[in-house]
Each structure stands twice: as C-alpha cells, then as structure tokens.
Amino acid sequence: MTKSLPVFNELIHRKIFLAFRTYLLAELSLSKKTLETYEPVYTDFLLWIERSGQSVIDVTSLDCEKYIRHIGTDRNNSPRTIAKKVSALRAVFRFIVMSGFRADNPIESVDIPKAAAILPAVMEQSEIDLLLDSIDTTTPIGVRDRCMLELMYSCGLRISELCNIKMSDIFIADRFLRIIGKGNKERLVPFGKEAKIWLIDYMEVARPFLSGNKIRNNFLFLSVRGDKISRKSVWVRFNKIVSALGLNAKPHALRHSCATHMLHGGANLREVQEFLGHSDISTTQIYTHVDIGRLSSFHKQYHPRGKL
C-alpha cells in the first residue's frame, strides 16, 4: 500500500486487503493471478479518496460516482475498462460489509457505463480443418502441436487447462480428461476419436522423445527441453501455424469455436456450460449470439426474401 495515506487509514486499508486476499485464496480458491487484478484498482481508489482525508470506512456513494467519472473522463478509460474496475471495487466492498467493517456497500447501487458485448472470435469448420491438417506431423514437435490443438478444439480447453494436464488425468479407453479449471474446479471432459488418435501417437512416440526417455515430470505436454510446456510456448506455436496460413486467429478461438459448433449441432446451453466449466450460464449465453449471427447469414443466403 502507498505510504502517503494517513497512518490510521493506511493500517485499516492494509488490514482489509490482507484479509481480502486470504478470503479469495483460501475460501474462494481463486488464483493469485486473478487476485493481482484487484490490488491496483483498490490502491488507485485509495489514493483518490485520500485527497479528502477519507477511508473505505466512511466513503459515500456520491464519492464513488465521482471516482467513476474521474476514471472515465480524466483517464479516458473505455466503458469496458471502467466496468471491470467497478466490478473489482464492488467485490472488495462486499467483503468489507461481510467482515463488519461497515454496514453498507457504497458502490453497489452506482450506475456504470455499459460495455458493449464483444462476441468471441469463431473459426469456420473449414478453417479448423485447414489449421490442423497444415501441421507438419513428421517431427515430434509437429505431433505434439497437432495433439495440443486437437484437444483444445475437441474439449474446448483454455490454454492454462491444456498446459496443466497430467498423465494421470488421461483416460484413453473411455475418451475423457480430468480438467482443473478456474477456481480449482474439476470437471470431466470427453474428447473425440481424432483427438484420441493423435493423443496415442503423441504419448507413445513424441512425448518419450521430448522427455529424453526420462521420467522428469507428470505433465502431458512437454517443451523441447522436456519441461512442462508454457502458455507462451503454446501461443508462439499457434501463431506460427496460423500466420503461415494467412489466418487471423488466437488460441482461444479454438475454445470459442468448439462451443459455437456444439450449439450449432444441437447441444443445449446447460450442456455446453458444464462442458466448458462456466460457473455462470450467462457466460455461456454469449455463444448463442454467435450462432444467431450464423443463422442470420444463412437466412439471407437461402430464404427467398432474405436478401430484400
């Protein structure tokens, strides 16, 4: 925390944030990376209210409104950025109320600019096929890359989930993986026949080559050094492949495409929610907008009056 705050305020703010950190890590099982998004927002807010000698204990809704105008006008933040900052502050204040530091949440009822919904980027099935088939699988690295991307698309995995798969998480015969997602939540995810073929090929041939035939760790995907592959390495490999094809896509597009293609194929929203590991179905609902856009294009193309 900043040293410029009055001594009492600095102590109470430090005490609150340390308790908040413990709550997020121990009770909600959130990652340290997620927690790190809260601290700069909280600290910036404290610096702003310090000018009037206030603390989070006595700040009012009006003060919060002024702060939101400040970060919107003076900082020229986008509505989406403002919404994220306010969401973080609301979480902190909810904890402050829950812990008995104050009786009300001054920012809970404050209106914020609505951020425009950003539809996830989705690749066409033909683009997915082109992407996967373009990988040179004559080398162990190529087999690994093909296996990684097959699983990301087949299972709708996040990059972090892919990197953290362990050998003990794979059930080849039943064709499913045990995945540890956000908030340390476990789910079982099935994978397709094509992904199984490449997974077996990778595990029997490519992985032993990368590990040097030494048991160095239990992670499924390894780097050229035989260590657990990093998120950055997955990004680099994916970008190299799509760039060579002239495609504009990011690794997460495989997860988005998986969800959208499943909905388009007839899966219901609840099934896709569980498959992806979303805790809130509203997160999954954004894919229905993508599918509606696809249906709209079909309507224009095939309906007699679609082009009118």
C-alpha atoms as a PDB file:
ATOM      1  CA  MET A   1       0.000   0.000   0.000  1.00  0.00           C
ATOM      2  CA  THR A   2       1.074   3.565  -0.508  1.00  0.00           C
ATOM      3  CA  LYS A   3       2.962   5.306   2.302  1.00  0.00           C
ATOM      4  CA  SER A   4       1.281   8.653   1.690  1.00  0.00           C
ATOM      5  CA  LEU A   5      -2.009   7.665   3.319  1.00  0.00           C
ATOM      6  CA  PRO A   6      -2.712   8.891   6.863  1.00  0.00           C
ATOM      7  CA  VAL A   7      -1.443   6.338   9.392  1.00  0.00           C
ATOM      8  CA  PHE A   8      -4.899   5.177  10.560  1.00  0.00           C
ATOM      9  CA  ASN A   9      -6.236   4.842   7.034  1.00  0.00           C
ATOM     10  CA  GLU A  10      -3.115   3.057   5.854  1.00  0.00           C
ATOM     11  CA  LEU A  11      -3.355   0.495   8.656  1.00  0.00           C
ATOM     12  CA  ILE A  12      -7.064  -0.196   8.172  1.00  0.00           C
ATOM     13  CA  HIS A  13      -6.668  -0.427   4.409  1.00  0.00           C
ATOM     14  CA  ARG A  14      -3.754  -2.830   4.713  1.00  0.00           C
ATOM     15  CA  LYS A  15      -5.681  -4.941   7.222  1.00  0.00           C
ATOM     16  CA  ILE A  16      -8.733  -5.092   4.950  1.00  0.00           C
ATOM     17  CA  PHE A  17      -6.803  -6.007   1.824  1.00  0.00           C
ATOM     18  CA  LEU A  18      -4.746  -8.714   3.545  1.00  0.00           C
ATOM     19  CA  ALA A  19      -7.974 -10.228   4.865  1.00  0.00           C
ATOM     20  CA  PHE A  20      -9.496  -9.932   1.393  1.00  0.00           C
ATOM     21  CA  ARG A  21      -6.505 -11.729  -0.163  1.00  0.00           C
ATOM     22  CA  THR A  22      -6.847 -14.581   2.318  1.00  0.00           C
ATOM     23  CA  TYR A  23     -10.579 -14.806   1.602  1.00  0.00           C
ATOM     24  CA  LEU A  24     -10.056 -15.029  -2.175  1.00  0.00           C
ATOM     25  CA  LEU A  25      -7.226 -17.557  -1.981  1.00  0.00           C
ATOM     26  CA  ALA A  26      -8.358 -19.788   0.886  1.00  0.00           C
ATOM     27  CA  GLU A  27     -12.153 -19.682   0.745  1.00  0.00           C
ATOM     28  CA  LEU A  28     -12.928 -18.967  -2.919  1.00  0.00           C
ATOM     29  CA  SER A  29      -9.844 -20.807  -4.245  1.00  0.00           C
ATOM     30  CA  LEU A  30      -9.115 -18.069  -6.781  1.00  0.00           C
ATOM     31  CA  SER A  31      -5.691 -17.934  -8.399  1.00  0.00           C
ATOM     32  CA  LYS A  32      -3.008 -15.426  -7.421  1.00  0.00           C
ATOM     33  CA  LYS A  33      -3.158 -14.066 -10.961  1.00  0.00           C
ATOM     34  CA  THR A  34      -6.853 -13.247 -10.515  1.00  0.00           C
ATOM     35  CA  LEU A  35      -6.145 -11.676  -7.144  1.00  0.00           C
ATOM     36  CA  GLU A  36      -3.494  -9.426  -8.652  1.00  0.00           C
ATOM     37  CA  THR A  37      -6.175  -7.677 -10.720  1.00  0.00           C
ATOM     38  CA  TYR A  38      -7.810  -6.340  -7.548  1.00  0.00           C
ATOM     39  CA  GLU A  39      -4.835  -4.694  -5.851  1.00  0.00           C
ATOM     40  CA  PRO A  40      -4.039  -1.915  -8.387  1.00  0.00           C
ATOM     41  CA  VAL A  41      -7.740  -0.987  -8.607  1.00  0.00           C
ATOM     42  CA  TYR A  42      -8.079  -0.864  -4.828  1.00  0.00           C
ATOM     43  CA  THR A  43      -4.841   1.089  -4.416  1.00  0.00           C
ATOM     44  CA  ASP A  44      -5.799   3.643  -7.068  1.00  0.00           C
ATOM     45  CA  PHE A  45      -9.168   4.173  -5.384  1.00  0.00           C
ATOM     46  CA  LEU A  46      -7.475   4.711  -2.009  1.00  0.00           C
ATOM     47  CA  LEU A  47      -5.114   7.294  -3.484  1.00  0.00           C
ATOM     48  CA  TRP A  48      -8.080   9.147  -4.934  1.00  0.00           C
ATOM     49  CA  ILE A  49     -10.175   9.254  -1.723  1.00  0.00           C
ATOM     50  CA  GLU A  50      -7.073  10.181   0.300  1.00  0.00           C
ATOM     51  CA  ARG A  51      -7.279  13.680  -1.134  1.00  0.00           C
ATOM     52  CA  SER A  52     -10.310  14.344   1.033  1.00  0.00           C
ATOM     53  CA  GLY A  53      -8.887  12.513   4.038  1.00  0.00           C
ATOM     54  CA  GLN A  54     -11.413   9.681   3.757  1.00  0.00           C
ATOM     55  CA  SER A  55     -11.099   5.929   4.035  1.00  0.00           C
ATOM     56  CA  VAL A  56     -13.101   2.981   2.724  1.00  0.00           C
ATOM     57  CA  ILE A  57     -14.955   3.009   6.044  1.00  0.00           C
ATOM     58  CA  ASP A  58     -16.633   6.373   5.505  1.00  0.00           C
ATOM     59  CA  VAL A  59     -16.588   6.941   1.728  1.00  0.00           C
ATOM     60  CA  THR A  60     -20.073   7.574   0.262  1.00  0.00           C
ATOM     61  CA  SER A  61     -21.957   6.584  -2.900  1.00  0.00           C
ATOM     62  CA  LEU A  62     -21.518  10.130  -4.173  1.00  0.00           C
ATOM     63  CA  ASP A  63     -17.753   9.798  -3.740  1.00  0.00           C
ATOM     64  CA  CYS A  64     -17.856   6.553  -5.705  1.00  0.00           C
ATOM     65  CA  GLU A  65     -19.807   8.225  -8.512  1.00  0.00           C
ATOM     66  CA  LYS A  66     -17.222  10.997  -8.661  1.00  0.00           C
ATOM     67  CA  TYR A  67     -14.433   8.421  -8.814  1.00  0.00           C
ATOM     68  CA  ILE A  68     -16.120   6.609 -11.718  1.00  0.00           C
ATOM     69  CA  ARG A  69     -16.450   9.913 -13.600  1.00  0.00           C
ATOM     70  CA  HIS A  70     -12.798  10.579 -12.802  1.00  0.00           C
ATOM     71  CA  ILE A  71     -11.506   7.316 -14.284  1.00  0.00           C
ATOM     72  CA  GLY A  72     -13.836   7.711 -17.249  1.00  0.00           C
ATOM     73  CA  THR A  73     -13.182  11.354 -18.108  1.00  0.00           C
ATOM     74  CA  ASP A  74      -9.740  12.175 -16.742  1.00  0.00           C
ATOM     75  CA  ARG A  75      -8.216   8.791 -17.591  1.00  0.00           C
ATOM     76  CA  ASN A  76     -10.153   8.296 -20.828  1.00  0.00           C
ATOM     77  CA  ASN A  77     -10.893   4.659 -19.999  1.00  0.00           C
ATOM     78  CA  SER A  78     -13.301   2.677 -22.158  1.00  0.00           C
ATOM     79  CA  PRO A  79     -16.685   1.603 -20.720  1.00  0.00           C
ATOM     80  CA  ARG A  80     -15.390  -1.977 -20.586  1.00  0.00           C
ATOM     81  CA  THR A  81     -12.324  -0.973 -18.553  1.00  0.00           C
ATOM     82  CA  ILE A  82     -14.461   1.109 -16.194  1.00  0.00           C
ATOM     83  CA  ALA A  83     -16.874  -1.793 -15.744  1.00  0.00           C
ATOM     84  CA  LYS A  84     -14.006  -4.114 -14.795  1.00  0.00           C
ATOM     85  CA  LYS A  85     -12.615  -1.632 -12.272  1.00  0.00           C
ATOM     86  CA  VAL A  86     -16.012  -1.034 -10.677  1.00  0.00           C
ATOM     87  CA  SER A  87     -16.654  -4.780 -10.550  1.00  0.00           C
ATOM     88  CA  ALA A  88     -13.384  -5.230  -8.649  1.00  0.00           C
ATOM     89  CA  LEU A  89     -14.291  -2.438  -6.198  1.00  0.00           C
ATOM     90  CA  ARG A  90     -17.742  -3.911  -5.642  1.00  0.00           C
ATOM     91  CA  ALA A  91     -16.149  -7.231  -4.729  1.00  0.00           C
ATOM     92  CA  VAL A  92     -13.846  -5.527  -2.219  1.00  0.00           C
ATOM     93  CA  PHE A  93     -16.697  -3.554  -0.664  1.00  0.00           C
ATOM     94  CA  ARG A  94     -18.883  -6.669  -0.428  1.00  0.00           C
ATOM     95  CA  PHE A  95     -16.106  -8.248   1.592  1.00  0.00           C
ATOM     96  CA  ILE A  96     -15.792  -5.120   3.735  1.00  0.00           C
ATOM     97  CA  VAL A  97     -19.511  -5.322   4.578  1.00  0.00           C
ATOM     98  CA  MET A  98     -19.384  -9.081   5.115  1.00  0.00           C
ATOM     99  CA  SER A  99     -16.457  -8.624   7.517  1.00  0.00           C
ATOM    100  CA  GLY A 100     -18.281  -5.983   9.544  1.00  0.00           C
ATOM    101  CA  PHE A 101     -16.008  -3.042   8.740  1.00  0.00           C
ATOM    102  CA  ARG A 102     -19.044  -1.075   7.559  1.00  0.00           C
ATOM    103  CA  ALA A 103     -22.790  -1.705   7.193  1.00  0.00           C
ATOM    104  CA  ASP A 104     -23.352  -0.734   3.569  1.00  0.00           C
ATOM    105  CA  ASN A 105     -21.736  -1.072   0.168  1.00  0.00           C
ATOM    106  CA  PRO A 106     -21.469   2.478  -1.222  1.00  0.00           C
ATOM    107  CA  ILE A 107     -20.684   1.393  -4.776  1.00  0.00           C
ATOM    108  CA  GLU A 108     -23.324  -1.333  -5.126  1.00  0.00           C
ATOM    109  CA  SER A 109     -26.073   0.955  -6.386  1.00  0.00           C
ATOM    110  CA  VAL A 110     -23.877   3.207  -8.507  1.00  0.00           C
ATOM    111  CA  ASP A 111     -24.659   3.058 -12.222  1.00  0.00           C
ATOM    112  CA  ILE A 112     -21.751   2.476 -14.552  1.00  0.00           C
ATOM    113  CA  PRO A 113     -21.404   2.834 -18.328  1.00  0.00           C
ATOM    114  CA  LYS A 114     -22.480  -0.358 -20.053  1.00  0.00           C
ATOM    115  CA  ALA A 115     -19.734  -2.047 -22.005  1.00  0.00           C
ATOM    116  CA  ALA A 116     -20.620  -3.232 -25.460  1.00  0.00           C
ATOM    117  CA  ALA A 117     -20.665  -7.009 -25.672  1.00  0.00           C
ATOM    118  CA  ILE A 118     -17.716  -8.398 -27.609  1.00  0.00           C
ATOM    119  CA  LEU A 119     -18.648 -11.550 -29.465  1.00  0.00           C
ATOM    120  CA  PRO A 120     -15.977 -14.242 -29.313  1.00  0.00           C
ATOM    121  CA  ALA A 121     -13.992 -14.908 -32.466  1.00  0.00           C
ATOM    122  CA  VAL A 122     -15.117 -18.154 -34.070  1.00  0.00           C
ATOM    123  CA  MET A 123     -13.394 -20.115 -36.811  1.00  0.00           C
ATOM    124  CA  GLU A 124     -15.338 -21.895 -39.521  1.00  0.00           C
ATOM    125  CA  GLN A 125     -15.106 -25.680 -39.597  1.00  0.00           C
ATOM    126  CA  SER A 126     -13.166 -25.446 -42.860  1.00  0.00           C
ATOM    127  CA  GLU A 127     -10.627 -23.153 -41.157  1.00  0.00           C
ATOM    128  CA  ILE A 128     -10.253 -25.576 -38.258  1.00  0.00           C
ATOM    129  CA  ASP A 129      -9.623 -28.431 -40.704  1.00  0.00           C
ATOM    130  CA  LEU A 130      -7.110 -26.337 -42.655  1.00  0.00           C
ATOM    131  CA  LEU A 131      -5.327 -25.340 -39.452  1.00  0.00           C
ATOM    132  CA  LEU A 132      -4.986 -28.887 -38.118  1.00  0.00           C
ATOM    133  CA  ASP A 133      -4.124 -30.520 -41.429  1.00  0.00           C
ATOM    134  CA  SER A 134      -1.396 -27.948 -42.149  1.00  0.00           C
ATOM    135  CA  ILE A 135       0.729 -29.025 -39.184  1.00  0.00           C
ATOM    136  CA  ASP A 136       3.851 -30.965 -40.188  1.00  0.00           C
ATOM    137  CA  THR A 137       3.497 -34.169 -38.169  1.00  0.00           C
ATOM    138  CA  THR A 138       6.715 -35.780 -39.420  1.00  0.00           C
ATOM    139  CA  THR A 139       8.515 -34.469 -36.324  1.00  0.00           C
ATOM    140  CA  PRO A 140       7.854 -34.999 -32.585  1.00  0.00           C
ATOM    141  CA  ILE A 141       7.179 -31.256 -32.211  1.00  0.00           C
ATOM    142  CA  GLY A 142       4.623 -31.408 -35.013  1.00  0.00           C
ATOM    143  CA  VAL A 143       2.869 -34.405 -33.459  1.00  0.00           C
ATOM    144  CA  ARG A 144       2.767 -32.573 -30.127  1.00  0.00           C
ATOM    145  CA  ASP A 145       1.345 -29.430 -31.743  1.00  0.00           C
ATOM    146  CA  ARG A 146      -1.318 -31.402 -33.618  1.00  0.00           C
ATOM    147  CA  CYS A 147      -2.282 -33.230 -30.434  1.00  0.00           C
ATOM    148  CA  MET A 148      -2.472 -29.990 -28.417  1.00  0.00           C
ATOM    149  CA  LEU A 149      -4.694 -28.200 -30.912  1.00  0.00           C
ATOM    150  CA  GLU A 150      -6.871 -31.273 -31.479  1.00  0.00           C
ATOM    151  CA  LEU A 151      -7.535 -31.451 -27.738  1.00  0.00           C
ATOM    152  CA  MET A 152      -8.115 -27.696 -27.398  1.00  0.00           C
ATOM    153  CA  TYR A 153     -10.766 -27.831 -30.100  1.00  0.00           C
ATOM    154  CA  SER A 154     -12.252 -31.205 -29.162  1.00  0.00           C
ATOM    155  CA  CYS A 155     -12.515 -30.357 -25.452  1.00  0.00           C
ATOM    156  CA  GLY A 156     -12.932 -26.565 -25.573  1.00  0.00           C
ATOM    157  CA  LEU A 157      -9.891 -26.090 -23.331  1.00  0.00           C
ATOM    158  CA  ARG A 158      -8.309 -22.902 -22.084  1.00  0.00           C
ATOM    159  CA  ILE A 159      -4.547 -22.704 -22.662  1.00  0.00           C
ATOM    160  CA  SER A 160      -3.848 -22.934 -18.920  1.00  0.00           C
ATOM    161  CA  GLU A 161      -6.005 -26.062 -18.694  1.00  0.00           C
ATOM    162  CA  LEU A 162      -4.125 -27.628 -21.597  1.00  0.00           C
ATOM    163  CA  CYS A 163      -0.719 -26.895 -20.069  1.00  0.00           C
ATOM    164  CA  ASN A 164      -1.746 -28.328 -16.694  1.00  0.00           C
ATOM    165  CA  ILE A 165      -2.996 -31.721 -17.939  1.00  0.00           C
ATOM    166  CA  LYS A 166      -1.107 -34.525 -16.212  1.00  0.00           C
ATOM    167  CA  MET A 167      -0.604 -38.063 -17.416  1.00  0.00           C
ATOM    168  CA  SER A 168      -2.838 -39.244 -14.579  1.00  0.00           C
ATOM    169  CA  ASP A 169      -5.666 -37.034 -15.921  1.00  0.00           C
ATOM    170  CA  ILE A 170      -5.991 -39.024 -19.162  1.00  0.00           C
ATOM    171  CA  PHE A 171      -8.435 -41.907 -19.581  1.00  0.00           C
ATOM    172  CA  ILE A 172      -7.767 -43.152 -23.102  1.00  0.00           C
ATOM    173  CA  ALA A 173     -10.160 -46.114 -23.168  1.00  0.00           C
ATOM    174  CA  ASP A 174     -13.138 -44.006 -22.063  1.00  0.00           C
ATOM    175  CA  ARG A 175     -12.003 -40.968 -24.067  1.00  0.00           C
ATOM    176  CA  PHE A 176     -12.154 -38.265 -21.427  1.00  0.00           C
ATOM    177  CA  LEU A 177      -9.854 -35.945 -19.494  1.00  0.00           C
ATOM    178  CA  ARG A 178      -9.919 -34.691 -15.942  1.00  0.00           C
ATOM    179  CA  ILE A 179      -9.512 -30.926 -16.158  1.00  0.00           C
ATOM    180  CA  ILE A 180      -8.799 -28.473 -13.338  1.00  0.00           C
ATOM    181  CA  GLY A 181     -10.356 -25.178 -14.408  1.00  0.00           C
ATOM    182  CA  LYS A 182     -10.773 -21.723 -12.939  1.00  0.00           C
ATOM    183  CA  GLY A 183     -11.248 -21.606  -9.182  1.00  0.00           C
ATOM    184  CA  ASN A 184      -9.563 -25.023  -8.952  1.00  0.00           C
ATOM    185  CA  LYS A 185     -12.824 -26.635 -10.104  1.00  0.00           C
ATOM    186  CA  GLU A 186     -12.584 -30.134 -11.525  1.00  0.00           C
ATOM    187  CA  ARG A 187     -14.605 -31.394 -14.471  1.00  0.00           C
ATOM    188  CA  LEU A 188     -14.546 -34.425 -16.745  1.00  0.00           C
ATOM    189  CA  VAL A 189     -14.371 -33.620 -20.463  1.00  0.00           C
ATOM    190  CA  PRO A 190     -14.828 -36.134 -23.311  1.00  0.00           C
ATOM    191  CA  PHE A 191     -12.729 -35.963 -26.477  1.00  0.00           C
ATOM    192  CA  GLY A 192     -13.296 -37.243 -29.999  1.00  0.00           C
ATOM    193  CA  LYS A 193     -11.858 -40.136 -31.983  1.00  0.00           C
ATOM    194  CA  GLU A 194      -9.492 -37.902 -33.962  1.00  0.00           C
ATOM    195  CA  ALA A 195      -8.093 -36.386 -30.767  1.00  0.00           C
ATOM    196  CA  LYS A 196      -7.637 -39.922 -29.373  1.00  0.00           C
ATOM    197  CA  ILE A 197      -5.590 -40.964 -32.411  1.00  0.00           C
ATOM    198  CA  TRP A 198      -3.196 -38.042 -32.025  1.00  0.00           C
ATOM    199  CA  LEU A 199      -3.062 -38.383 -28.255  1.00  0.00           C
ATOM    200  CA  ILE A 200      -1.939 -42.008 -28.527  1.00  0.00           C
ATOM    201  CA  ASP A 201       0.614 -41.104 -31.206  1.00  0.00           C
ATOM    202  CA  TYR A 202       1.986 -38.298 -29.077  1.00  0.00           C
ATOM    203  CA  MET A 203       2.143 -40.339 -25.861  1.00  0.00           C
ATOM    204  CA  GLU A 204       3.759 -43.379 -27.485  1.00  0.00           C
ATOM    205  CA  VAL A 205       6.280 -41.676 -29.765  1.00  0.00           C
ATOM    206  CA  ALA A 206       6.643 -37.894 -29.473  1.00  0.00           C
ATOM    207  CA  ARG A 207       6.469 -37.455 -25.710  1.00  0.00           C
ATOM    208  CA  PRO A 208       9.196 -40.046 -24.925  1.00  0.00           C
ATOM    209  CA  PHE A 209      11.403 -38.282 -27.484  1.00  0.00           C
ATOM    210  CA  LEU A 210      10.807 -34.865 -25.863  1.00  0.00           C
ATOM    211  CA  SER A 211      11.383 -36.198 -22.360  1.00  0.00           C
ATOM    212  CA  GLY A 212      14.589 -37.935 -23.400  1.00  0.00           C
ATOM    213  CA  ASN A 213      13.039 -41.210 -22.191  1.00  0.00           C
ATOM    214  CA  LYS A 214      13.461 -39.937 -18.655  1.00  0.00           C
ATOM    215  CA  ILE A 215      10.621 -39.535 -16.176  1.00  0.00           C
ATOM    216  CA  ARG A 216      11.084 -35.846 -15.425  1.00  0.00           C
ATOM    217  CA  ASN A 217       7.538 -34.730 -14.672  1.00  0.00           C
ATOM    218  CA  ASN A 218       3.964 -35.921 -14.910  1.00  0.00           C
ATOM    219  CA  PHE A 219       2.675 -33.214 -17.258  1.00  0.00           C
ATOM    220  CA  LEU A 220       1.310 -34.356 -20.608  1.00  0.00           C
ATOM    221  CA  PHE A 221       2.684 -31.681 -22.926  1.00  0.00           C
ATOM    222  CA  LEU A 222       6.414 -31.040 -22.844  1.00  0.00           C
ATOM    223  CA  SER A 223       8.741 -28.447 -24.307  1.00  0.00           C
ATOM    224  CA  VAL A 224      11.827 -29.272 -26.370  1.00  0.00           C
ATOM    225  CA  ARG A 225      13.736 -29.315 -23.054  1.00  0.00           C
ATOM    226  CA  GLY A 226      11.429 -31.932 -21.606  1.00  0.00           C
ATOM    227  CA  ASP A 227       9.805 -29.499 -19.183  1.00  0.00           C
ATOM    228  CA  LYS A 228       6.111 -28.676 -18.841  1.00  0.00           C
ATOM    229  CA  ILE A 229       5.102 -26.563 -21.821  1.00  0.00           C
ATOM    230  CA  SER A 230       4.291 -22.931 -21.031  1.00  0.00           C
ATOM    231  CA  ARG A 231       1.320 -20.809 -22.051  1.00  0.00           C
ATOM    232  CA  LYS A 232       3.669 -18.574 -24.018  1.00  0.00           C
ATOM    233  CA  SER A 233       5.022 -21.533 -25.983  1.00  0.00           C
ATOM    234  CA  VAL A 234       1.507 -22.614 -26.957  1.00  0.00           C
ATOM    235  CA  TRP A 235       0.797 -19.044 -28.142  1.00  0.00           C
ATOM    236  CA  VAL A 236       4.023 -18.969 -30.167  1.00  0.00           C
ATOM    237  CA  ARG A 237       3.375 -22.327 -31.826  1.00  0.00           C
ATOM    238  CA  PHE A 238      -0.255 -21.449 -32.631  1.00  0.00           C
ATOM    239  CA  ASN A 239       0.650 -18.043 -34.060  1.00  0.00           C
ATOM    240  CA  LYS A 240       3.339 -19.572 -36.258  1.00  0.00           C
ATOM    241  CA  ILE A 241       0.831 -22.027 -37.736  1.00  0.00           C
ATOM    242  CA  VAL A 242      -1.994 -19.531 -38.378  1.00  0.00           C
ATOM    243  CA  SER A 243       0.398 -16.905 -39.751  1.00  0.00           C
ATOM    244  CA  ALA A 244       1.702 -19.359 -42.343  1.00  0.00           C
ATOM    245  CA  LEU A 245      -1.907 -19.927 -43.446  1.00  0.00           C
ATOM    246  CA  GLY A 246      -2.791 -16.231 -43.506  1.00  0.00           C
ATOM    247  CA  LEU A 247      -5.466 -16.730 -40.849  1.00  0.00           C
ATOM    248  CA  ASN A 248      -6.280 -14.173 -38.169  1.00  0.00           C
ATOM    249  CA  ALA A 249      -6.991 -16.143 -35.014  1.00  0.00           C
ATOM    250  CA  LYS A 250      -5.858 -16.626 -31.428  1.00  0.00           C
ATOM    251  CA  PRO A 251      -5.589 -19.910 -29.499  1.00  0.00           C
ATOM    252  CA  HIS A 252      -8.746 -19.136 -27.503  1.00  0.00           C
ATOM    253  CA  ALA A 253     -10.670 -19.167 -30.797  1.00  0.00           C
ATOM    254  CA  LEU A 254     -10.496 -22.967 -30.646  1.00  0.00           C
ATOM    255  CA  ARG A 255     -12.468 -22.929 -27.390  1.00  0.00           C
ATOM    256  CA  HIS A 256     -14.967 -20.415 -28.788  1.00  0.00           C
ATOM    257  CA  SER A 257     -15.324 -22.459 -31.967  1.00  0.00           C
ATOM    258  CA  CYS A 258     -15.865 -25.670 -30.025  1.00  0.00           C
ATOM    259  CA  ALA A 259     -18.726 -24.111 -28.033  1.00  0.00           C
ATOM    260  CA  THR A 260     -20.357 -22.480 -31.046  1.00  0.00           C
ATOM    261  CA  HIS A 261     -20.120 -25.593 -33.212  1.00  0.00           C
ATOM    262  CA  MET A 262     -21.655 -27.696 -30.426  1.00  0.00           C
ATOM    263  CA  LEU A 263     -24.597 -25.303 -30.097  1.00  0.00           C
ATOM    264  CA  HIS A 264     -24.995 -25.207 -33.842  1.00  0.00           C
ATOM    265  CA  GLY A 265     -25.026 -29.012 -33.850  1.00  0.00           C
ATOM    266  CA  GLY A 266     -27.896 -29.187 -31.381  1.00  0.00           C
ATOM    267  CA  ALA A 267     -26.340 -29.148 -27.885  1.00  0.00           C
ATOM    268  CA  ASN A 268     -28.301 -27.172 -25.304  1.00  0.00           C
ATOM    269  CA  LEU A 269     -26.906 -24.284 -23.296  1.00  0.00           C
ATOM    270  CA  ARG A 270     -26.696 -26.180 -19.993  1.00  0.00           C
ATOM    271  CA  GLU A 271     -24.695 -28.973 -21.589  1.00  0.00           C
ATOM    272  CA  VAL A 272     -22.228 -26.532 -23.110  1.00  0.00           C
ATOM    273  CA  GLN A 273     -21.975 -24.651 -19.813  1.00  0.00           C
ATOM    274  CA  GLU A 274     -20.926 -27.810 -17.981  1.00  0.00           C
ATOM    275  CA  PHE A 275     -18.632 -28.876 -20.810  1.00  0.00           C
ATOM    276  CA  LEU A 276     -16.730 -25.567 -20.755  1.00  0.00           C
ATOM    277  CA  GLY A 277     -16.677 -25.290 -16.967  1.00  0.00           C
ATOM    278  CA  HIS A 278     -18.551 -21.968 -16.778  1.00  0.00           C
ATOM    279  CA  SER A 279     -19.833 -21.253 -13.277  1.00  0.00           C
ATOM    280  CA  ASP A 280     -22.450 -18.825 -14.623  1.00  0.00           C
ATOM    281  CA  ILE A 281     -24.634 -19.691 -17.615  1.00  0.00           C
ATOM    282  CA  SER A 282     -24.641 -16.026 -18.664  1.00  0.00           C
ATOM    283  CA  THR A 283     -21.014 -16.556 -19.707  1.00  0.00           C
ATOM    284  CA  THR A 284     -22.107 -19.386 -21.991  1.00  0.00           C
ATOM    285  CA  GLN A 285     -25.037 -17.418 -23.398  1.00  0.00           C
ATOM    286  CA  ILE A 286     -22.761 -15.196 -25.459  1.00  0.00           C
ATOM    287  CA  TYR A 287     -22.280 -18.147 -27.822  1.00  0.00           C
ATOM    288  CA  THR A 288     -25.993 -18.108 -28.638  1.00  0.00           C
ATOM    289  CA  HIS A 289     -25.474 -14.636 -30.141  1.00  0.00           C
ATOM    290  CA  VAL A 290     -22.719 -16.017 -32.331  1.00  0.00           C
ATOM    291  CA  ASP A 291     -24.983 -18.827 -33.501  1.00  0.00           C
ATOM    292  CA  ILE A 292     -27.833 -16.395 -34.179  1.00  0.00           C
ATOM    293  CA  GLY A 293     -25.452 -14.385 -36.373  1.00  0.00           C
ATOM    294  CA  ARG A 294     -24.633 -17.528 -38.311  1.00  0.00           C
ATOM    295  CA  LEU A 295     -28.315 -18.340 -38.751  1.00  0.00           C
ATOM    296  CA  SER A 296     -28.921 -14.796 -39.944  1.00  0.00           C
ATOM    297  CA  SER A 297     -26.327 -15.203 -42.697  1.00  0.00           C
ATOM    298  CA  PHE A 298     -27.931 -18.496 -43.746  1.00  0.00           C
ATOM    299  CA  HIS A 299     -31.330 -16.778 -43.841  1.00  0.00           C
ATOM    300  CA  LYS A 300     -30.023 -14.036 -46.110  1.00  0.00           C
ATOM    301  CA  GLN A 301     -28.375 -16.565 -48.363  1.00  0.00           C
ATOM    302  CA  TYR A 302     -31.150 -19.133 -48.697  1.00  0.00           C
ATOM    303  CA  HIS A 303     -34.500 -17.549 -47.842  1.00  0.00           C
ATOM    304  CA  PRO A 304     -36.462 -16.180 -50.844  1.00  0.00           C
ATOM    305  CA  ARG A 305     -36.885 -12.864 -49.102  1.00  0.00           C
ATOM    306  CA  GLY A 306     -33.704 -12.907 -47.097  1.00  0.00           C
ATOM    307  CA  LYS A 307     -31.906 -10.523 -49.447  1.00  0.00           C
ATOM    308  CA  LEU A 308     -34.749  -7.996 -49.688  1.00  0.00           C
END
